[in-house]
N, C-alpha and C. Protein backbone atom coordinates (compact mmCIF):
# COMPACT_ATOMS: atom_id res chain seq x y z
N UNK A 1 -10.54 -10.51 12.30
CA UNK A 1 -10.93 -10.87 13.63
C UNK A 1 -12.21 -11.70 13.60
N UNK A 2 -13.12 -11.38 12.65
CA UNK A 2 -14.38 -12.11 12.58
C UNK A 2 -14.40 -13.13 11.45
N UNK A 3 -13.27 -13.33 10.79
CA UNK A 3 -13.18 -14.29 9.70
C UNK A 3 -12.27 -15.43 10.14
N UNK A 4 -12.83 -16.63 10.18
CA UNK A 4 -12.03 -17.80 10.51
C UNK A 4 -11.11 -18.07 9.33
N UNK A 5 -9.79 -18.05 9.54
CA UNK A 5 -8.87 -18.28 8.42
C UNK A 5 -9.14 -19.57 7.67
N UNK A 6 -9.67 -20.58 8.35
CA UNK A 6 -9.96 -21.85 7.68
C UNK A 6 -11.09 -21.71 6.66
N UNK A 7 -11.95 -20.73 6.83
CA UNK A 7 -13.07 -20.53 5.91
C UNK A 7 -12.84 -19.44 4.88
N UNK A 8 -11.67 -18.84 4.93
CA UNK A 8 -11.38 -17.70 4.05
C UNK A 8 -11.45 -18.07 2.57
N UNK A 9 -10.91 -19.23 2.20
CA UNK A 9 -10.92 -19.64 0.79
C UNK A 9 -12.34 -19.87 0.30
N UNK A 10 -13.16 -20.53 1.11
CA UNK A 10 -14.54 -20.79 0.72
C UNK A 10 -15.32 -19.48 0.59
N UNK A 11 -15.10 -18.57 1.51
CA UNK A 11 -15.77 -17.27 1.47
C UNK A 11 -15.34 -16.51 0.21
N UNK A 12 -14.05 -16.55 -0.10
CA UNK A 12 -13.55 -15.89 -1.30
C UNK A 12 -14.15 -16.48 -2.56
N UNK A 13 -14.23 -17.80 -2.63
CA UNK A 13 -14.81 -18.47 -3.80
C UNK A 13 -16.28 -18.09 -3.97
N UNK A 14 -17.02 -18.08 -2.87
CA UNK A 14 -18.42 -17.69 -2.92
C UNK A 14 -18.56 -16.25 -3.42
N UNK A 15 -17.71 -15.37 -2.90
CA UNK A 15 -17.76 -13.97 -3.35
C UNK A 15 -17.49 -13.85 -4.84
N UNK A 16 -16.48 -14.55 -5.33
CA UNK A 16 -16.15 -14.49 -6.76
C UNK A 16 -17.32 -14.97 -7.61
N UNK A 17 -18.01 -16.01 -7.15
CA UNK A 17 -19.16 -16.54 -7.88
C UNK A 17 -20.32 -15.55 -7.88
N UNK A 18 -20.63 -14.98 -6.73
CA UNK A 18 -21.75 -14.04 -6.61
C UNK A 18 -21.47 -12.74 -7.34
N UNK A 19 -20.29 -12.20 -7.16
CA UNK A 19 -19.95 -10.90 -7.74
C UNK A 19 -19.61 -10.99 -9.22
N UNK A 20 -19.19 -12.16 -9.66
CA UNK A 20 -18.77 -12.29 -11.05
C UNK A 20 -17.44 -11.59 -11.31
N UNK A 21 -16.69 -11.34 -10.26
CA UNK A 21 -15.40 -10.67 -10.37
C UNK A 21 -14.35 -11.60 -9.77
N UNK A 22 -13.52 -12.22 -10.62
CA UNK A 22 -12.55 -13.19 -10.11
C UNK A 22 -11.28 -12.60 -9.53
N UNK A 23 -11.17 -11.28 -9.52
CA UNK A 23 -9.93 -10.67 -9.03
C UNK A 23 -9.73 -10.94 -7.55
N UNK A 24 -8.46 -11.19 -7.16
CA UNK A 24 -8.17 -11.34 -5.73
C UNK A 24 -8.26 -9.98 -5.04
N UNK A 25 -8.37 -10.03 -3.73
CA UNK A 25 -8.52 -8.81 -2.95
C UNK A 25 -7.41 -7.80 -3.22
N UNK A 26 -6.19 -8.26 -3.34
CA UNK A 26 -5.06 -7.34 -3.56
C UNK A 26 -5.23 -6.47 -4.79
N UNK A 27 -5.80 -7.02 -5.84
CA UNK A 27 -6.03 -6.22 -7.04
C UNK A 27 -7.14 -5.19 -6.82
N UNK A 28 -8.17 -5.59 -6.10
CA UNK A 28 -9.25 -4.64 -5.77
C UNK A 28 -8.70 -3.53 -4.89
N UNK A 29 -7.86 -3.89 -3.92
CA UNK A 29 -7.27 -2.90 -3.01
C UNK A 29 -6.35 -1.95 -3.76
N UNK A 30 -5.52 -2.48 -4.66
CA UNK A 30 -4.62 -1.62 -5.43
C UNK A 30 -5.44 -0.63 -6.26
N UNK A 31 -6.47 -1.11 -6.92
CA UNK A 31 -7.32 -0.24 -7.73
C UNK A 31 -7.95 0.87 -6.87
N UNK A 32 -8.42 0.51 -5.69
CA UNK A 32 -9.04 1.49 -4.79
C UNK A 32 -8.03 2.51 -4.30
N UNK A 33 -6.81 2.06 -3.97
CA UNK A 33 -5.77 2.99 -3.52
C UNK A 33 -5.37 3.93 -4.65
N UNK A 34 -5.26 3.40 -5.86
CA UNK A 34 -4.91 4.23 -7.00
C UNK A 34 -6.00 5.27 -7.27
N UNK A 35 -7.25 4.87 -7.14
CA UNK A 35 -8.37 5.82 -7.27
C UNK A 35 -8.22 6.97 -6.27
N UNK A 36 -7.88 6.63 -5.04
CA UNK A 36 -7.75 7.65 -4.00
C UNK A 36 -6.55 8.57 -4.28
N UNK A 37 -5.43 7.97 -4.68
CA UNK A 37 -4.23 8.78 -4.95
C UNK A 37 -4.46 9.72 -6.13
N UNK A 38 -5.21 9.27 -7.13
CA UNK A 38 -5.46 10.09 -8.32
C UNK A 38 -6.66 11.02 -8.14
N UNK A 39 -7.46 10.78 -7.11
CA UNK A 39 -8.66 11.57 -6.89
C UNK A 39 -8.57 12.44 -5.66
N UNK A 40 -9.09 11.94 -4.56
CA UNK A 40 -9.15 12.69 -3.31
C UNK A 40 -7.78 13.22 -2.88
N UNK A 41 -6.74 12.41 -3.04
CA UNK A 41 -5.41 12.81 -2.58
C UNK A 41 -4.54 13.40 -3.69
N UNK A 42 -5.12 13.73 -4.83
CA UNK A 42 -4.34 14.32 -5.92
C UNK A 42 -3.62 15.61 -5.49
N UNK A 43 -4.26 16.50 -4.72
CA UNK A 43 -3.53 17.69 -4.26
C UNK A 43 -2.31 17.32 -3.40
N UNK A 44 -2.41 16.26 -2.63
CA UNK A 44 -1.27 15.82 -1.82
C UNK A 44 -0.15 15.26 -2.71
N UNK A 45 -0.53 14.56 -3.77
CA UNK A 45 0.46 14.03 -4.72
C UNK A 45 1.14 15.20 -5.44
N UNK A 46 0.38 16.21 -5.81
CA UNK A 46 0.95 17.39 -6.48
C UNK A 46 1.90 18.12 -5.53
N UNK A 47 1.52 18.22 -4.27
CA UNK A 47 2.40 18.86 -3.28
C UNK A 47 3.68 18.04 -3.11
N UNK A 48 3.53 16.74 -3.07
CA UNK A 48 4.68 15.85 -2.97
C UNK A 48 5.63 16.08 -4.14
N UNK A 49 5.09 16.19 -5.34
CA UNK A 49 5.93 16.42 -6.52
C UNK A 49 6.68 17.75 -6.42
N UNK A 50 6.02 18.76 -5.85
CA UNK A 50 6.68 20.06 -5.70
C UNK A 50 7.84 20.02 -4.71
N UNK A 51 7.82 19.06 -3.78
CA UNK A 51 8.90 18.92 -2.80
C UNK A 51 10.19 18.41 -3.43
N UNK A 52 10.08 17.76 -4.59
CA UNK A 52 11.28 17.24 -5.25
C UNK A 52 11.91 18.37 -6.05
N UNK A 53 13.22 18.41 -6.10
CA UNK A 53 13.91 19.50 -6.78
C UNK A 53 14.02 19.28 -8.29
N UNK A 54 13.30 18.30 -8.80
CA UNK A 54 13.27 18.01 -10.23
C UNK A 54 11.95 17.32 -10.56
N UNK A 55 11.71 17.09 -11.82
CA UNK A 55 10.49 16.36 -12.23
C UNK A 55 10.53 14.97 -11.62
N UNK A 56 9.44 14.54 -10.96
CA UNK A 56 9.45 13.18 -10.39
C UNK A 56 9.65 12.15 -11.49
N UNK A 57 10.52 11.17 -11.27
CA UNK A 57 10.70 10.12 -12.28
C UNK A 57 9.37 9.46 -12.60
N UNK A 58 8.94 9.55 -13.84
CA UNK A 58 7.66 8.97 -14.24
C UNK A 58 6.48 9.90 -14.04
N UNK A 59 6.71 11.10 -13.49
CA UNK A 59 5.65 12.08 -13.31
C UNK A 59 4.71 11.76 -12.16
N UNK A 60 3.60 12.48 -12.14
CA UNK A 60 2.61 12.31 -11.06
C UNK A 60 2.03 10.90 -11.03
N UNK A 61 1.85 10.32 -12.22
CA UNK A 61 1.28 8.97 -12.27
C UNK A 61 2.18 7.96 -11.57
N UNK A 62 3.49 8.13 -11.69
CA UNK A 62 4.42 7.23 -11.01
C UNK A 62 4.33 7.39 -9.50
N UNK A 63 4.14 8.63 -9.04
CA UNK A 63 3.97 8.85 -7.60
C UNK A 63 2.67 8.21 -7.11
N UNK A 64 1.59 8.36 -7.89
CA UNK A 64 0.31 7.74 -7.52
C UNK A 64 0.45 6.23 -7.43
N UNK A 65 1.11 5.63 -8.42
CA UNK A 65 1.30 4.17 -8.42
C UNK A 65 2.18 3.73 -7.23
N UNK A 66 3.22 4.50 -6.95
CA UNK A 66 4.11 4.15 -5.84
C UNK A 66 3.34 4.18 -4.52
N UNK A 67 2.57 5.22 -4.30
CA UNK A 67 1.77 5.33 -3.08
C UNK A 67 0.75 4.20 -2.99
N UNK A 68 0.20 3.78 -4.12
CA UNK A 68 -0.84 2.76 -4.16
C UNK A 68 -0.27 1.35 -4.09
N UNK A 69 0.97 1.17 -4.44
CA UNK A 69 1.59 -0.15 -4.46
C UNK A 69 2.25 -0.53 -3.15
N UNK A 70 2.49 0.43 -2.31
CA UNK A 70 3.19 0.17 -1.06
C UNK A 70 2.41 -0.85 -0.23
N UNK A 71 3.05 -1.94 0.20
CA UNK A 71 2.32 -2.97 0.95
C UNK A 71 2.23 -2.69 2.45
N UNK A 72 2.71 -1.54 2.89
CA UNK A 72 2.64 -1.14 4.29
C UNK A 72 2.05 0.27 4.34
N UNK A 73 1.56 0.65 5.50
CA UNK A 73 1.01 1.99 5.63
C UNK A 73 2.06 3.06 5.34
N UNK A 74 3.27 2.82 5.81
CA UNK A 74 4.33 3.79 5.58
C UNK A 74 5.68 3.14 5.82
N UNK A 75 6.70 3.78 5.29
CA UNK A 75 8.06 3.39 5.60
C UNK A 75 8.57 4.36 6.66
N UNK A 76 9.73 4.05 7.24
CA UNK A 76 10.29 4.87 8.30
C UNK A 76 11.72 5.29 7.98
N UNK A 77 11.95 5.65 6.73
CA UNK A 77 13.26 6.15 6.32
C UNK A 77 13.49 7.48 7.02
N UNK A 78 14.69 7.68 7.54
CA UNK A 78 15.03 8.94 8.19
C UNK A 78 15.93 9.73 7.23
N UNK A 79 15.33 10.64 6.44
CA UNK A 79 16.12 11.35 5.43
C UNK A 79 17.14 12.33 6.01
N UNK A 80 16.92 12.78 7.22
CA UNK A 80 17.87 13.72 7.84
C UNK A 80 19.11 12.97 8.31
N UNK A 81 18.91 11.86 9.00
CA UNK A 81 20.03 11.06 9.49
C UNK A 81 20.59 10.12 8.42
N UNK A 82 19.84 9.96 7.32
CA UNK A 82 20.29 9.08 6.24
C UNK A 82 20.15 7.61 6.57
N UNK A 83 19.19 7.26 7.43
CA UNK A 83 19.01 5.87 7.86
C UNK A 83 17.84 5.22 7.14
N UNK A 84 18.12 4.01 6.64
CA UNK A 84 17.10 3.21 5.95
C UNK A 84 17.16 1.80 6.53
N UNK A 85 16.08 1.35 7.11
CA UNK A 85 16.02 0.00 7.69
C UNK A 85 15.79 -1.03 6.59
N UNK A 86 16.19 -2.25 6.87
CA UNK A 86 15.97 -3.34 5.92
C UNK A 86 14.49 -3.51 5.59
N UNK A 87 13.62 -3.31 6.60
CA UNK A 87 12.17 -3.44 6.37
C UNK A 87 11.68 -2.41 5.36
N UNK A 88 12.27 -1.22 5.38
CA UNK A 88 11.89 -0.19 4.42
C UNK A 88 12.32 -0.58 3.01
N UNK A 89 13.53 -1.12 2.89
CA UNK A 89 14.01 -1.59 1.59
C UNK A 89 13.10 -2.70 1.05
N UNK A 90 12.72 -3.62 1.94
CA UNK A 90 11.84 -4.72 1.54
C UNK A 90 10.47 -4.20 1.08
N UNK A 91 9.91 -3.24 1.80
CA UNK A 91 8.60 -2.71 1.44
C UNK A 91 8.65 -2.03 0.07
N UNK A 92 9.69 -1.24 -0.18
CA UNK A 92 9.83 -0.56 -1.47
C UNK A 92 10.01 -1.59 -2.58
N UNK A 93 10.81 -2.64 -2.32
CA UNK A 93 11.01 -3.70 -3.31
C UNK A 93 9.71 -4.44 -3.59
N UNK A 94 8.96 -4.79 -2.53
CA UNK A 94 7.69 -5.50 -2.70
C UNK A 94 6.69 -4.66 -3.49
N UNK A 95 6.77 -3.36 -3.33
CA UNK A 95 5.84 -2.47 -4.04
C UNK A 95 6.12 -2.43 -5.54
N UNK A 96 7.33 -2.82 -5.93
CA UNK A 96 7.67 -2.79 -7.35
C UNK A 96 7.80 -1.37 -7.88
N UNK A 97 8.17 -0.44 -7.02
CA UNK A 97 8.33 0.96 -7.43
C UNK A 97 9.50 1.05 -8.41
N UNK A 98 9.29 1.79 -9.50
CA UNK A 98 10.32 1.94 -10.52
C UNK A 98 11.63 2.40 -9.91
N UNK A 99 12.73 1.87 -10.43
CA UNK A 99 14.05 2.09 -9.85
C UNK A 99 14.41 3.55 -9.61
N UNK A 100 14.20 4.47 -10.55
CA UNK A 100 14.61 5.85 -10.25
C UNK A 100 13.92 6.44 -9.02
N UNK A 101 12.63 6.18 -8.88
CA UNK A 101 11.89 6.69 -7.72
C UNK A 101 12.27 5.90 -6.46
N UNK A 102 12.41 4.59 -6.58
CA UNK A 102 12.80 3.77 -5.44
C UNK A 102 14.15 4.23 -4.89
N UNK A 103 15.08 4.54 -5.76
CA UNK A 103 16.42 4.98 -5.32
C UNK A 103 16.33 6.29 -4.54
N UNK A 104 15.43 7.16 -4.94
CA UNK A 104 15.23 8.42 -4.21
C UNK A 104 14.63 8.15 -2.83
N UNK A 105 13.59 7.31 -2.79
CA UNK A 105 12.91 7.02 -1.53
C UNK A 105 13.80 6.28 -0.54
N UNK A 106 14.77 5.54 -1.06
CA UNK A 106 15.69 4.79 -0.20
C UNK A 106 17.01 5.52 0.03
N UNK A 107 17.07 6.78 -0.39
CA UNK A 107 18.23 7.65 -0.19
C UNK A 107 19.47 7.17 -0.95
N UNK A 108 19.29 6.29 -1.93
CA UNK A 108 20.42 5.85 -2.75
C UNK A 108 20.83 6.94 -3.73
N UNK A 109 19.87 7.78 -4.11
CA UNK A 109 20.12 8.97 -4.93
C UNK A 109 19.71 10.18 -4.09
N UNK A 110 20.37 11.31 -4.29
CA UNK A 110 20.05 12.48 -3.48
C UNK A 110 18.61 12.96 -3.71
N UNK A 111 18.00 13.39 -2.63
CA UNK A 111 16.64 13.93 -2.68
C UNK A 111 16.44 14.86 -1.49
N UNK A 112 15.61 15.86 -1.65
CA UNK A 112 15.31 16.72 -0.50
C UNK A 112 14.65 15.89 0.61
N UNK A 113 15.10 16.03 1.84
CA UNK A 113 14.47 15.29 2.94
C UNK A 113 12.96 15.51 3.01
N UNK A 114 12.52 16.71 2.64
CA UNK A 114 11.08 17.00 2.70
C UNK A 114 10.29 16.11 1.74
N UNK A 115 10.89 15.74 0.61
CA UNK A 115 10.20 14.86 -0.35
C UNK A 115 10.01 13.48 0.26
N UNK A 116 11.07 12.92 0.83
CA UNK A 116 10.99 11.58 1.41
C UNK A 116 10.02 11.58 2.59
N UNK A 117 10.09 12.59 3.43
CA UNK A 117 9.18 12.69 4.58
C UNK A 117 7.73 12.83 4.11
N UNK A 118 7.50 13.67 3.12
CA UNK A 118 6.13 13.89 2.61
C UNK A 118 5.58 12.61 1.99
N UNK A 119 6.40 11.85 1.29
CA UNK A 119 5.94 10.58 0.72
C UNK A 119 5.45 9.67 1.85
N UNK A 120 6.23 9.61 2.94
CA UNK A 120 5.87 8.75 4.07
C UNK A 120 4.65 9.27 4.82
N UNK A 121 4.37 10.55 4.72
CA UNK A 121 3.17 11.11 5.35
C UNK A 121 1.94 10.94 4.47
N UNK A 122 2.15 10.77 3.18
CA UNK A 122 1.03 10.66 2.24
C UNK A 122 0.55 9.22 2.09
N UNK A 123 1.44 8.26 2.24
CA UNK A 123 1.04 6.87 2.02
C UNK A 123 0.01 6.34 3.02
N UNK A 124 0.04 6.69 4.31
CA UNK A 124 -0.97 6.13 5.22
C UNK A 124 -2.41 6.52 4.88
N UNK A 125 -2.72 7.78 4.57
CA UNK A 125 -4.11 8.06 4.24
C UNK A 125 -4.56 7.42 2.93
N UNK A 126 -3.64 7.26 1.97
CA UNK A 126 -3.99 6.57 0.73
C UNK A 126 -4.33 5.11 1.05
N UNK A 127 -3.53 4.47 1.89
CA UNK A 127 -3.79 3.09 2.30
C UNK A 127 -5.11 2.98 3.05
N UNK A 128 -5.32 3.83 4.03
CA UNK A 128 -6.52 3.74 4.85
C UNK A 128 -7.79 3.98 4.03
N UNK A 129 -7.79 5.04 3.25
CA UNK A 129 -8.98 5.37 2.45
C UNK A 129 -9.19 4.33 1.35
N UNK A 130 -8.10 3.87 0.75
CA UNK A 130 -8.22 2.91 -0.35
C UNK A 130 -8.61 1.52 0.11
N UNK A 131 -8.00 1.04 1.19
CA UNK A 131 -8.26 -0.33 1.64
C UNK A 131 -9.43 -0.37 2.61
N UNK A 132 -9.28 0.30 3.75
CA UNK A 132 -10.28 0.19 4.80
C UNK A 132 -11.62 0.81 4.41
N UNK A 133 -11.59 1.96 3.76
CA UNK A 133 -12.83 2.67 3.47
C UNK A 133 -13.39 2.40 2.08
N UNK A 134 -12.65 1.67 1.24
CA UNK A 134 -13.14 1.43 -0.11
C UNK A 134 -13.10 -0.05 -0.47
N UNK A 135 -11.91 -0.65 -0.53
CA UNK A 135 -11.78 -2.03 -0.99
C UNK A 135 -12.53 -3.03 -0.10
N UNK A 136 -12.48 -2.84 1.22
CA UNK A 136 -13.20 -3.77 2.10
C UNK A 136 -14.69 -3.77 1.80
N UNK A 137 -15.22 -2.67 1.31
CA UNK A 137 -16.64 -2.59 1.00
C UNK A 137 -16.95 -3.10 -0.39
N UNK A 138 -15.98 -3.07 -1.27
CA UNK A 138 -16.18 -3.55 -2.64
C UNK A 138 -16.00 -5.05 -2.76
N UNK A 139 -15.21 -5.61 -1.88
CA UNK A 139 -14.88 -7.03 -1.92
C UNK A 139 -15.63 -7.69 -0.78
N UNK A 140 -16.80 -8.24 -1.08
CA UNK A 140 -17.70 -8.76 -0.05
C UNK A 140 -17.09 -9.79 0.87
N UNK A 141 -16.14 -10.57 0.38
CA UNK A 141 -15.52 -11.58 1.23
C UNK A 141 -14.68 -10.94 2.33
N UNK A 142 -14.38 -9.66 2.20
CA UNK A 142 -13.56 -8.97 3.20
C UNK A 142 -14.40 -8.19 4.19
N UNK A 143 -15.72 -8.23 4.07
CA UNK A 143 -16.58 -7.42 4.93
C UNK A 143 -16.32 -7.69 6.41
N UNK A 144 -16.08 -8.92 6.79
CA UNK A 144 -15.81 -9.25 8.19
C UNK A 144 -14.46 -8.76 8.65
N UNK A 145 -13.58 -8.45 7.72
CA UNK A 145 -12.24 -7.98 8.10
C UNK A 145 -12.20 -6.48 8.29
N UNK A 146 -13.20 -5.76 7.81
CA UNK A 146 -13.22 -4.30 7.94
C UNK A 146 -13.11 -3.91 9.40
N UNK A 147 -12.11 -3.10 9.71
CA UNK A 147 -11.81 -2.62 11.06
C UNK A 147 -11.53 -3.76 12.02
N UNK A 148 -11.31 -4.94 11.51
CA UNK A 148 -11.06 -6.08 12.38
C UNK A 148 -9.59 -6.40 12.58
N UNK A 149 -8.70 -5.64 11.99
CA UNK A 149 -7.29 -5.87 12.24
C UNK A 149 -6.60 -6.78 11.25
N UNK A 150 -7.33 -7.36 10.32
CA UNK A 150 -6.67 -8.17 9.30
C UNK A 150 -7.54 -8.18 8.06
N UNK A 151 -6.92 -8.34 6.94
CA UNK A 151 -7.64 -8.42 5.69
C UNK A 151 -7.27 -9.69 4.98
N UNK A 152 -7.84 -9.92 3.83
CA UNK A 152 -7.47 -11.09 3.05
C UNK A 152 -6.00 -11.03 2.66
N UNK A 153 -5.46 -12.16 2.29
CA UNK A 153 -4.05 -12.19 1.87
C UNK A 153 -3.89 -11.30 0.65
N UNK A 154 -2.95 -10.37 0.68
CA UNK A 154 -2.81 -9.39 -0.39
C UNK A 154 -2.14 -9.96 -1.64
N UNK A 155 -2.39 -9.30 -2.75
CA UNK A 155 -1.75 -9.63 -4.01
C UNK A 155 -1.33 -8.33 -4.65
N UNK A 156 -0.08 -8.24 -5.08
CA UNK A 156 0.36 -7.05 -5.79
C UNK A 156 -0.34 -6.99 -7.13
N UNK A 157 -0.36 -5.81 -7.77
CA UNK A 157 -0.99 -5.70 -9.08
C UNK A 157 -0.42 -6.69 -10.10
N UNK A 158 0.79 -7.17 -9.89
CA UNK A 158 1.39 -8.14 -10.80
C UNK A 158 0.74 -9.51 -10.65
N UNK A 159 -0.03 -9.70 -9.57
CA UNK A 159 -0.68 -10.98 -9.32
C UNK A 159 0.11 -11.87 -8.36
N UNK A 160 1.32 -11.45 -7.95
CA UNK A 160 2.14 -12.23 -7.04
C UNK A 160 1.65 -12.04 -5.60
N UNK A 161 1.49 -13.14 -4.88
CA UNK A 161 1.06 -13.07 -3.49
C UNK A 161 2.11 -12.32 -2.66
N UNK A 162 1.67 -11.49 -1.76
CA UNK A 162 2.54 -10.78 -0.83
C UNK A 162 2.10 -11.21 0.57
N UNK A 163 2.89 -12.05 1.25
CA UNK A 163 2.46 -12.56 2.55
C UNK A 163 2.47 -11.48 3.63
N UNK A 164 1.44 -11.49 4.47
CA UNK A 164 1.46 -10.62 5.64
C UNK A 164 2.46 -11.22 6.62
N UNK A 165 3.14 -10.40 7.37
CA UNK A 165 4.15 -10.91 8.26
C UNK A 165 4.22 -10.05 9.52
N UNK A 166 5.02 -10.51 10.41
CA UNK A 166 5.31 -9.79 11.64
C UNK A 166 4.06 -9.51 12.48
N UNK A 167 3.30 -10.54 12.75
CA UNK A 167 2.16 -10.37 13.65
C UNK A 167 2.68 -10.34 15.07
N UNK A 168 2.21 -9.39 15.84
CA UNK A 168 2.66 -9.24 17.21
C UNK A 168 1.76 -9.98 18.18
N UNK A 169 1.70 -9.49 19.39
CA UNK A 169 0.89 -10.10 20.44
C UNK A 169 -0.57 -10.17 20.03
N UNK A 170 -1.19 -11.28 20.31
CA UNK A 170 -2.62 -11.50 20.04
C UNK A 170 -2.96 -11.28 18.57
N UNK A 171 -1.99 -11.49 17.67
CA UNK A 171 -2.26 -11.39 16.24
C UNK A 171 -2.29 -9.97 15.70
N UNK A 172 -2.01 -8.98 16.55
CA UNK A 172 -2.01 -7.58 16.08
C UNK A 172 -0.94 -7.41 15.02
N UNK A 173 -1.23 -6.61 14.04
CA UNK A 173 -0.28 -6.40 12.94
C UNK A 173 0.69 -5.29 13.29
N UNK A 174 1.94 -5.50 12.96
CA UNK A 174 2.97 -4.50 13.20
C UNK A 174 3.00 -3.50 12.06
N UNK A 175 4.06 -2.68 12.00
CA UNK A 175 4.18 -1.72 10.93
C UNK A 175 4.35 -2.38 9.58
N UNK A 176 4.56 -3.69 9.56
CA UNK A 176 4.71 -4.41 8.31
C UNK A 176 3.37 -4.89 7.77
N UNK A 177 2.27 -4.38 8.30
CA UNK A 177 0.95 -4.72 7.80
C UNK A 177 0.90 -4.53 6.29
N UNK A 178 0.27 -5.44 5.62
CA UNK A 178 0.23 -5.31 4.15
C UNK A 178 -1.16 -5.58 3.60
N UNK A 179 -1.44 -4.93 2.47
CA UNK A 179 -2.66 -5.18 1.69
C UNK A 179 -2.32 -5.01 0.25
């Protein structure tokens, strides 16, 4: 809201020069979300793992990475009705979540509904604490975006740009908000 998109590149370049850290915002955000998932929210990740009727594919670390890689606050899969929207499939694909876990989250493989629901309840606080309360403060070029409704263009940990999409009225971000 307080960052003119036309000046975003210059602000980012200045930040990289001053901080001596050339990483794009998306990498800083992913690192911050992973810190939160493995730290403050570790009990929630452990509870999530207990909801699955088997060992989580890839263990707790895979759950932490999945929660940290999600480019949206949450998905809206309905595990009881068995409904998965295309947007949910896209978000899981963009996150690069390993196939065995992705198949469970998208109901392609059987899973307890409580596991899928708990995953969707755990991802928003990981996103908020990791991005809004941590990464925006670590990445100086994003300081004007903190609580302003938009952040820098995100990058997945792989380095591939992930475009923000689905801006609603007056530029407000929809459930497809990404970082």
